[in-house]
Amino acid sequence: MSEVWYVFDPKHPRRTEQIIARLQVEDSTLLVERGVCLREWELVERRALASPRAARSALEARLADASARGLAIETDDVSVIGRLSARHPELEGLLAAVQLDSPDGRELLQVYADFLQAEGDPRGMLASLQLRNLDARPWFAEHMTWCFGRFTPLVQRSNKDQGKLISARWFGGWITHLWLYVASGRFADAPAPELSDVLRLPACASLRRLMAPSQRLPDAPELSCRASLRWLWTAGFSTSALTLGELPRLEHLSLSRCPRSLDVRAPNLRSLGFTDAGLPAIAELLDSGSVGPLERLECELPREDVDTAELRALLRHGALASLRAISLSRRQRRYYESKLPLRESVLELLCADPLLLRLELRDFTGLTLQGEQRERLLAAFASAPGRTVA
C-alpha cells in the first residue's frame, strides 16, 4: 500500500469544509486528489513519470511548495482531524472531573458546544443536537468520516456474522463509551484498529468507558483519555507486565486474563473484575498491593475443577477486607454445552465462607447452578445481612 500525504491549511476559517489535497505515488505515477476534508475525494491529476524515483521527486517538489506557502502536511488522517479540530484544554479538564449528565456537566457541555460552533468545528452542531435530544443521525451521515477518519468503515460495518469492530456511544458531542473488537469468522482478515490511534481522535478526549477485552493491547497502552476514564476493560497476559499508569478517576477495572504484574495508580478504584484468569494469579496480583481496598470483586471461576483451597485463599485475601459485593460466574466455552454442576466441596465453601456471610451483595447468577444447588445456596444466606441472588 502506498504512502499518502495530506495537504491543508491548519488556519482555514472553515476547517472541515476546506478543500484538502491528498497525494500519493504508485510505482512511477503521481496521483493527486482533492476533496472536502477527508470525504468526497476526486482524482484531479494522474501524472506518469519515467521512473519511481522521478515520481518521488515530483511529489517532494509539490510538498516543498506547499510547505513554503504555509500549508500543513500530514501522512495520517487522524492527525489531520486533530490539527483541524477546535480544542479547549481548560474546558476539557473541567469536563473530565464531572458527570456529563449532571446539571454542571450539561452546562459545561453547552459552553463547549458554543465554543466549537464559534470556531467552525462541526462537532459543535452535534453537541447542540444531542443536548436538546434532537435526532443527530443526519449529522452523522454527513460527518462520520470527520469523527473517525480511516476507522469509519469499522464503525459502519454491521452484519450478522461480525457486527461492528468499533462501537461508540455519544453524549453532548463526545464519545463517552467506546468498544473495540477483533474481527473473526469471514472478516478475520480485517485490520484491528490500534487503540492509541483511535484515542487520538478529538471526540475521545472525554471518554468515560473503554472496552477492548478481545484485543491484545500493548503492555503499556497509551491512554490519552486517562484524566476522564472511569471504567476500563482490557486484556492482560500472564507472560507480561501491564502498565496502565495514573488513572485518577478510574473506578472499575476488568482484566481479561491476568497480567504477571500490574502497575496502576488509581486512588478511586473500587471495583475489580477478572475473566479467564486463574485464581492463584488473581491472588498474586492482589499480593502486589497495586489495588485495594476493594468494594466489589467480579470473578470468573474455571469451568471445571475449581480448586477449593485456591478459592478459599482468594476469598480470605487481605485486599478484600473492605469488600461489600461479589459476583461469581463460571466460564462456559460454548453456549450449547451442558451446564456442569458445581463441585460439592466448592458449594460447601461458598455456603460457609465468613466473607460471603457479611457482604451487602452476593451475586451467584453466573455460576449456572442446578436447581438443588441454587436452593442450598440461597438457604445458606437466608438470615445473613445483605442480598443474595442466584
Protein backbone atom coordinates (compact mmCIF):
# COMPACT_ATOMS: atom_id res chain seq x y z
CA MET A 1 0.00 0.00 0.00
CA SER A 2 1.42 3.38 -1.00
CA GLU A 3 2.03 6.20 1.45
CA VAL A 4 -0.40 9.10 1.48
CA TRP A 5 0.23 12.78 2.14
CA TYR A 6 -2.50 15.25 3.10
CA VAL A 7 -2.01 18.96 2.39
CA PHE A 8 -4.29 21.52 4.04
CA ASP A 9 -4.50 24.92 5.70
CA PRO A 10 -4.41 24.48 9.51
CA LYS A 11 -5.77 28.02 9.98
CA HIS A 12 -8.57 27.85 7.45
CA PRO A 13 -11.70 29.53 8.89
CA ARG A 14 -13.97 26.79 7.52
CA ARG A 15 -11.87 23.97 8.99
CA THR A 16 -13.61 20.82 7.74
CA GLU A 17 -15.22 22.48 4.73
CA GLN A 18 -11.96 23.44 3.08
CA ILE A 19 -10.64 21.63 0.03
CA ILE A 20 -7.83 19.27 1.04
CA ALA A 21 -5.29 17.69 -1.29
CA ARG A 22 -4.31 14.03 -0.99
CA LEU A 23 -1.12 12.95 -2.80
CA GLN A 24 0.44 9.55 -3.31
CA VAL A 25 2.88 7.74 -5.56
CA GLU A 26 2.09 4.41 -7.16
CA ASP A 27 5.13 2.99 -8.95
CA SER A 28 6.01 5.74 -11.47
CA THR A 29 2.73 7.64 -11.20
CA LEU A 30 1.92 10.68 -9.09
CA LEU A 31 -1.74 10.83 -8.05
CA VAL A 32 -3.37 14.00 -6.78
CA GLU A 33 -6.89 14.04 -5.31
CA ARG A 34 -8.92 16.82 -3.79
CA GLY A 35 -11.94 16.67 -1.56
CA VAL A 36 -13.89 18.29 1.22
CA CYS A 37 -11.96 17.28 4.32
CA LEU A 38 -11.49 13.51 4.25
CA ARG A 39 -14.57 12.80 2.16
CA GLU A 40 -15.78 13.12 -1.44
CA TRP A 41 -12.34 12.56 -2.97
CA GLU A 42 -11.96 13.36 -6.68
CA LEU A 43 -8.91 12.45 -8.77
CA VAL A 44 -7.67 15.67 -10.40
CA GLU A 45 -4.26 14.61 -11.69
CA ARG A 46 -2.59 11.36 -12.74
CA ARG A 47 0.96 12.11 -13.84
CA ALA A 48 3.04 9.29 -15.27
CA LEU A 49 6.80 9.78 -14.77
CA ALA A 50 9.82 8.00 -16.20
CA SER A 51 10.60 6.07 -13.00
CA PRO A 52 9.56 5.67 -9.36
CA ARG A 53 12.44 7.99 -8.42
CA ALA A 54 11.14 10.67 -10.77
CA ALA A 55 7.63 10.29 -9.35
CA ARG A 56 9.02 10.63 -5.84
CA SER A 57 10.96 13.76 -6.85
CA ALA A 58 7.80 15.28 -8.31
CA LEU A 59 5.94 14.53 -5.08
CA GLU A 60 8.67 16.07 -2.94
CA ALA A 61 8.60 19.20 -5.11
CA ARG A 62 4.83 19.53 -4.57
CA LEU A 63 5.22 19.08 -0.82
CA ALA A 64 8.06 21.60 -0.62
CA ASP A 65 5.94 24.16 -2.47
CA ALA A 66 3.00 23.52 -0.11
CA SER A 67 5.24 23.97 2.92
CA ALA A 68 6.64 27.23 1.52
CA ARG A 69 3.08 28.53 1.22
CA GLY A 70 2.43 27.80 4.90
CA LEU A 71 0.28 24.73 4.37
CA ALA A 72 0.38 21.75 6.71
CA ILE A 73 1.43 18.26 5.61
CA GLU A 74 0.40 15.07 7.38
CA THR A 75 0.65 11.39 6.45
CA ASP A 76 -2.11 10.32 8.83
CA ASP A 77 -5.79 11.26 8.59
CA VAL A 78 -6.21 11.11 12.37
CA SER A 79 -3.52 13.79 12.63
CA VAL A 80 -5.44 15.88 10.09
CA ILE A 81 -8.56 15.65 12.25
CA GLY A 82 -6.51 16.59 15.30
CA ARG A 83 -4.93 19.59 13.59
CA LEU A 84 -8.24 20.95 12.29
CA SER A 85 -10.40 20.30 15.37
CA ALA A 86 -11.03 23.10 17.83
CA ARG A 87 -9.70 22.24 21.30
CA HIS A 88 -10.06 23.96 24.67
CA PRO A 89 -7.79 22.19 27.22
CA GLU A 90 -9.12 24.13 30.20
CA LEU A 91 -12.75 23.22 29.46
CA GLU A 92 -11.75 19.62 28.74
CA GLY A 93 -10.07 19.44 32.15
CA LEU A 94 -13.27 20.67 33.80
CA LEU A 95 -15.37 18.15 31.82
CA ALA A 96 -13.10 15.29 32.90
CA ALA A 97 -13.93 15.96 36.55
CA VAL A 98 -17.75 15.98 36.32
CA GLN A 99 -20.55 13.58 35.43
CA LEU A 100 -21.57 14.67 31.96
CA ASP A 101 -25.30 14.12 32.52
CA SER A 102 -25.33 16.19 35.73
CA PRO A 103 -26.51 19.83 35.70
CA ASP A 104 -22.90 21.04 35.97
CA GLY A 105 -21.85 18.64 33.22
CA ARG A 106 -24.60 19.76 30.86
CA GLU A 107 -23.73 23.41 31.48
CA LEU A 108 -20.05 22.75 30.62
CA LEU A 109 -21.05 20.75 27.56
CA GLN A 110 -23.17 23.65 26.33
CA VAL A 111 -20.28 26.06 26.85
CA TYR A 112 -18.03 23.73 24.87
CA ALA A 113 -20.67 23.34 22.16
CA ASP A 114 -20.85 27.12 21.80
CA PHE A 115 -17.04 27.27 21.61
CA LEU A 116 -16.93 24.60 18.88
CA GLN A 117 -19.57 26.34 16.80
CA ALA A 118 -17.81 29.70 17.15
CA GLU A 119 -14.61 28.05 15.92
CA GLY A 120 -16.31 26.42 12.93
CA ASP A 121 -15.92 22.86 14.22
CA PRO A 122 -18.90 20.75 13.05
CA ARG A 123 -18.93 18.78 16.29
CA GLY A 124 -20.44 21.85 17.90
CA MET A 125 -23.68 21.23 15.98
CA LEU A 126 -23.64 17.59 17.07
CA ALA A 127 -23.29 18.66 20.70
CA SER A 128 -26.16 21.11 20.35
CA LEU A 129 -28.42 18.45 18.80
CA GLN A 130 -27.65 15.87 21.47
CA LEU A 131 -28.05 18.29 24.38
CA ARG A 132 -31.52 19.15 23.04
CA ASN A 133 -32.35 15.45 22.49
CA LEU A 134 -32.79 16.00 18.75
CA ASP A 135 -32.14 13.45 16.01
CA ALA A 136 -28.41 13.51 15.17
CA ARG A 137 -28.48 10.78 12.51
CA PRO A 138 -28.43 13.20 9.56
CA TRP A 139 -25.38 14.88 11.10
CA PHE A 140 -23.57 11.54 11.42
CA ALA A 141 -24.48 10.60 7.86
CA GLU A 142 -22.59 13.69 6.65
CA HIS A 143 -19.76 13.90 9.18
CA MET A 144 -18.93 10.33 10.21
CA THR A 145 -15.57 10.49 8.42
CA TRP A 146 -14.73 13.67 10.28
CA CYS A 147 -15.26 11.82 13.57
CA PHE A 148 -13.43 8.58 12.77
CA GLY A 149 -11.25 9.11 9.70
CA ARG A 150 -9.95 5.82 8.28
CA PHE A 151 -11.78 3.92 11.04
CA THR A 152 -15.17 4.91 9.61
CA PRO A 153 -15.72 1.57 7.76
CA LEU A 154 -15.07 -0.29 11.04
CA VAL A 155 -17.78 1.78 12.74
CA GLN A 156 -20.29 1.50 9.93
CA ARG A 157 -19.88 -2.21 9.18
CA SER A 158 -22.74 -4.23 10.59
CA ASN A 159 -23.69 -7.78 9.66
CA LYS A 160 -24.97 -10.92 11.30
CA ASP A 161 -21.55 -12.60 11.36
CA GLN A 162 -19.36 -9.90 12.82
CA GLY A 163 -21.09 -6.66 13.64
CA LYS A 164 -19.02 -3.55 14.20
CA LEU A 165 -15.32 -3.53 15.03
CA ILE A 166 -15.72 -0.15 16.72
CA SER A 167 -18.84 0.82 18.60
CA ALA A 168 -19.34 4.19 20.26
CA ARG A 169 -21.89 5.87 22.49
CA TRP A 170 -22.11 9.66 22.32
CA PHE A 171 -23.35 12.36 24.65
CA GLY A 172 -23.16 16.11 24.17
CA GLY A 173 -20.79 15.85 21.22
CA TRP A 174 -18.33 13.49 22.93
CA ILE A 175 -17.75 9.74 22.74
CA THR A 176 -18.40 8.53 26.27
CA HIS A 177 -18.32 4.73 25.73
CA LEU A 178 -16.00 3.00 23.26
CA TRP A 179 -15.83 -0.72 22.37
CA LEU A 180 -13.01 -2.17 20.26
CA TYR A 181 -13.29 -5.69 18.86
CA VAL A 182 -11.14 -8.12 16.90
CA ALA A 183 -12.59 -9.41 13.65
CA SER A 184 -13.44 -13.09 13.44
CA GLY A 185 -15.12 -15.52 11.08
CA ARG A 186 -15.12 -14.46 7.47
CA PHE A 187 -13.90 -10.99 8.49
CA ALA A 188 -10.84 -12.26 10.37
CA ASP A 189 -8.51 -10.58 7.86
CA ALA A 190 -9.84 -7.11 8.69
CA PRO A 191 -7.15 -4.95 10.34
CA ALA A 192 -7.72 -4.40 14.03
CA PRO A 193 -7.80 -0.72 14.99
CA GLU A 194 -4.83 0.50 17.00
CA LEU A 195 -6.08 1.71 20.36
CA SER A 196 -3.60 4.60 20.57
CA ASP A 197 -4.70 5.88 17.14
CA VAL A 198 -8.40 5.66 17.96
CA LEU A 199 -7.88 7.51 21.24
CA ARG A 200 -6.12 10.35 19.38
CA LEU A 201 -9.47 11.28 17.85
CA PRO A 202 -10.58 14.56 19.49
CA ALA A 203 -14.06 13.17 20.23
CA CYS A 204 -12.44 10.58 22.57
CA ALA A 205 -10.81 13.18 24.82
CA SER A 206 -13.52 12.90 27.48
CA LEU A 207 -14.03 9.13 27.31
CA ARG A 208 -15.68 7.51 30.34
CA ARG A 209 -15.75 3.80 29.43
CA LEU A 210 -13.24 1.93 27.30
CA MET A 211 -13.78 -1.74 26.48
CA ALA A 212 -11.26 -3.75 24.49
CA PRO A 213 -11.45 -7.21 26.07
CA SER A 214 -10.58 -9.24 22.99
CA GLN A 215 -7.63 -7.20 21.75
CA ARG A 216 -4.04 -7.83 22.70
CA LEU A 217 -3.06 -4.36 23.75
CA PRO A 218 0.47 -3.10 24.35
CA ASP A 219 1.95 -3.79 27.77
CA ALA A 220 1.90 -0.02 28.31
CA PRO A 221 -1.10 1.26 26.31
CA GLU A 222 -1.30 4.96 25.52
CA LEU A 223 -4.43 6.23 27.23
CA SER A 224 -4.85 9.83 26.16
CA CYS A 225 -8.22 9.91 27.95
CA ARG A 226 -6.72 8.90 31.31
CA ALA A 227 -7.94 12.08 33.06
CA SER A 228 -11.61 11.26 32.37
CA LEU A 229 -11.66 7.43 32.29
CA ARG A 230 -13.94 5.78 34.87
CA TRP A 231 -14.29 2.21 33.55
CA LEU A 232 -11.71 0.12 31.73
CA TRP A 233 -11.96 -3.44 30.41
CA THR A 234 -8.80 -4.65 28.77
CA ALA A 235 -6.76 -7.78 28.15
CA GLY A 236 -3.94 -8.75 30.49
CA PHE A 237 -1.49 -11.56 29.81
CA SER A 238 0.23 -13.83 32.30
CA THR A 239 3.53 -13.51 30.44
CA SER A 240 3.54 -9.72 30.57
CA ALA A 241 3.56 -6.85 32.98
CA LEU A 242 0.69 -4.43 32.36
CA THR A 243 1.48 -0.76 32.92
CA LEU A 244 -1.60 1.45 33.00
CA GLY A 245 -0.04 4.32 34.94
CA GLU A 246 -2.01 7.09 36.57
CA LEU A 247 -5.78 6.91 36.14
CA PRO A 248 -7.02 9.42 38.73
CA ARG A 249 -10.76 8.85 38.23
CA LEU A 250 -10.82 5.14 37.37
CA GLU A 251 -13.49 3.35 39.42
CA HIS A 252 -13.68 -0.09 37.76
CA LEU A 253 -11.01 -2.22 36.10
CA SER A 254 -11.74 -5.52 34.34
CA LEU A 255 -8.93 -7.73 33.11
CA SER A 256 -9.40 -10.50 30.59
CA ARG A 257 -6.74 -12.92 31.80
CA CYS A 258 -4.33 -11.82 34.47
CA PRO A 259 -1.06 -9.98 33.85
CA ARG A 260 2.14 -11.08 35.59
CA SER A 261 2.18 -7.72 37.33
CA LEU A 262 0.05 -4.59 37.25
CA ASP A 263 1.19 -1.00 37.55
CA VAL A 264 -1.79 1.27 38.05
CA ARG A 265 -2.22 4.34 40.23
CA ALA A 266 -5.95 4.70 40.66
CA PRO A 267 -6.94 6.16 44.04
CA ASN A 268 -10.65 5.94 43.21
CA LEU A 269 -10.58 2.29 42.09
CA ARG A 270 -13.27 0.39 43.98
CA SER A 271 -14.22 -2.46 41.67
CA LEU A 272 -12.06 -5.15 40.03
CA GLY A 273 -13.13 -7.89 37.64
CA PHE A 274 -11.41 -10.92 36.11
CA THR A 275 -12.32 -13.22 33.25
CA ASP A 276 -10.28 -16.18 32.01
CA ALA A 277 -7.83 -15.81 34.91
CA GLY A 278 -6.54 -18.47 37.31
CA LEU A 279 -7.35 -17.99 40.99
CA PRO A 280 -3.67 -18.14 42.10
CA ALA A 281 -2.78 -15.46 39.54
CA ILE A 282 -5.53 -13.20 40.92
CA ALA A 283 -4.32 -13.71 44.47
CA GLU A 284 -0.74 -12.99 43.39
CA LEU A 285 -1.86 -9.77 41.74
CA LEU A 286 -3.66 -8.73 44.92
CA ASP A 287 -0.45 -9.52 46.85
CA SER A 288 1.36 -6.84 44.86
CA GLY A 289 -0.63 -4.11 46.61
CA SER A 290 -1.40 -2.35 43.31
CA VAL A 291 -5.13 -2.32 44.03
CA GLY A 292 -7.30 -2.05 47.09
CA PRO A 293 -9.10 -1.62 49.33
CA LEU A 294 -11.76 -3.03 47.01
CA GLU A 295 -15.51 -2.73 47.44
CA ARG A 296 -16.57 -5.06 44.61
CA LEU A 297 -14.99 -8.14 43.04
CA GLU A 298 -16.19 -9.85 39.85
CA CYS A 299 -14.52 -13.19 39.32
CA GLU A 300 -14.96 -15.89 36.68
CA LEU A 301 -14.22 -19.36 38.07
CA PRO A 302 -12.81 -22.16 35.90
CA ARG A 303 -15.45 -24.16 34.05
CA GLU A 304 -14.31 -27.41 35.66
CA ASP A 305 -12.32 -28.46 38.71
CA VAL A 306 -12.49 -25.33 40.83
CA ASP A 307 -9.78 -25.82 43.44
CA THR A 308 -11.37 -25.34 46.87
CA ALA A 309 -8.11 -24.32 48.54
CA GLU A 310 -7.38 -21.72 45.88
CA LEU A 311 -10.87 -20.27 46.13
CA ARG A 312 -10.67 -20.15 49.94
CA ALA A 313 -7.31 -18.37 49.78
CA LEU A 314 -8.72 -15.76 47.40
CA LEU A 315 -11.85 -15.10 49.47
CA ARG A 316 -9.74 -14.57 52.59
CA HIS A 317 -7.17 -12.31 50.97
CA GLY A 318 -6.40 -9.15 52.92
CA ALA A 319 -7.13 -6.90 49.94
CA LEU A 320 -10.79 -7.95 50.19
CA ALA A 321 -11.20 -6.88 53.82
CA SER A 322 -13.38 -3.91 52.79
CA LEU A 323 -15.36 -5.83 50.17
CA ARG A 324 -19.09 -5.06 50.01
CA ALA A 325 -20.18 -7.03 46.94
CA ILE A 326 -19.03 -10.07 45.00
CA SER A 327 -20.11 -11.53 41.68
CA LEU A 328 -19.04 -15.08 40.85
CA SER A 329 -19.50 -16.75 37.47
CA ARG A 330 -18.16 -19.78 35.62
CA ARG A 331 -16.59 -19.83 32.21
CA GLN A 332 -18.65 -21.56 29.55
CA ARG A 333 -16.75 -22.20 26.35
CA ARG A 334 -19.76 -22.85 24.14
CA TYR A 335 -23.34 -21.87 24.77
CA TYR A 336 -24.65 -25.25 23.64
CA GLU A 337 -22.52 -27.32 26.04
CA SER A 338 -24.30 -28.86 29.01
CA LYS A 339 -24.00 -27.00 32.30
CA LEU A 340 -21.83 -28.87 34.78
CA PRO A 341 -22.92 -28.89 38.43
CA LEU A 342 -20.71 -27.11 40.91
CA ARG A 343 -18.44 -29.44 42.88
CA GLU A 344 -19.81 -30.30 46.35
CA SER A 345 -16.71 -29.05 48.17
CA VAL A 346 -16.92 -25.70 46.37
CA LEU A 347 -20.61 -25.36 47.17
CA GLU A 348 -19.93 -26.06 50.85
CA LEU A 349 -17.19 -23.45 50.91
CA LEU A 350 -19.46 -20.81 49.40
CA CYS A 351 -22.23 -21.57 51.88
CA ALA A 352 -19.98 -21.13 54.91
CA ASP A 353 -17.30 -18.61 53.95
CA PRO A 354 -17.16 -15.77 56.50
CA LEU A 355 -16.51 -13.10 53.86
CA LEU A 356 -19.63 -14.00 51.90
CA LEU A 357 -21.73 -14.09 55.07
CA ARG A 358 -21.12 -10.38 55.80
CA LEU A 359 -21.39 -8.84 52.31
CA GLU A 360 -24.10 -6.47 51.13
CA LEU A 361 -24.46 -8.32 47.83
CA ARG A 362 -23.68 -11.91 46.80
CA ASP A 363 -24.34 -12.46 43.09
CA PHE A 364 -24.16 -16.12 42.02
CA THR A 365 -26.27 -15.83 38.87
CA GLY A 366 -23.32 -16.65 36.63
CA LEU A 367 -22.48 -19.96 38.31
CA THR A 368 -25.00 -22.00 36.25
CA LEU A 369 -26.26 -23.80 39.36
CA GLN A 370 -28.51 -26.81 39.25
CA GLY A 371 -31.89 -26.43 40.96
CA GLU A 372 -30.98 -28.13 44.27
CA GLN A 373 -27.65 -26.31 44.45
CA ARG A 374 -29.31 -22.97 43.97
CA GLU A 375 -31.79 -23.64 46.76
CA ARG A 376 -29.00 -24.69 49.15
CA LEU A 377 -27.01 -21.55 48.39
CA LEU A 378 -29.99 -19.26 48.93
CA ALA A 379 -30.89 -21.05 52.16
CA ALA A 380 -27.33 -20.66 53.49
CA PHE A 381 -27.63 -16.86 53.33
CA ALA A 382 -31.30 -16.53 54.23
CA SER A 383 -30.53 -14.98 57.61
CA ALA A 384 -27.34 -13.17 56.54
CA PRO A 385 -27.32 -9.40 56.04
CA GLY A 386 -27.39 -8.02 52.53
CA ARG A 387 -28.87 -9.56 49.41
CA THR A 388 -28.25 -12.87 47.65
CA VAL A 389 -29.13 -13.56 44.02
CA ALA A 390 -28.58 -16.89 42.28
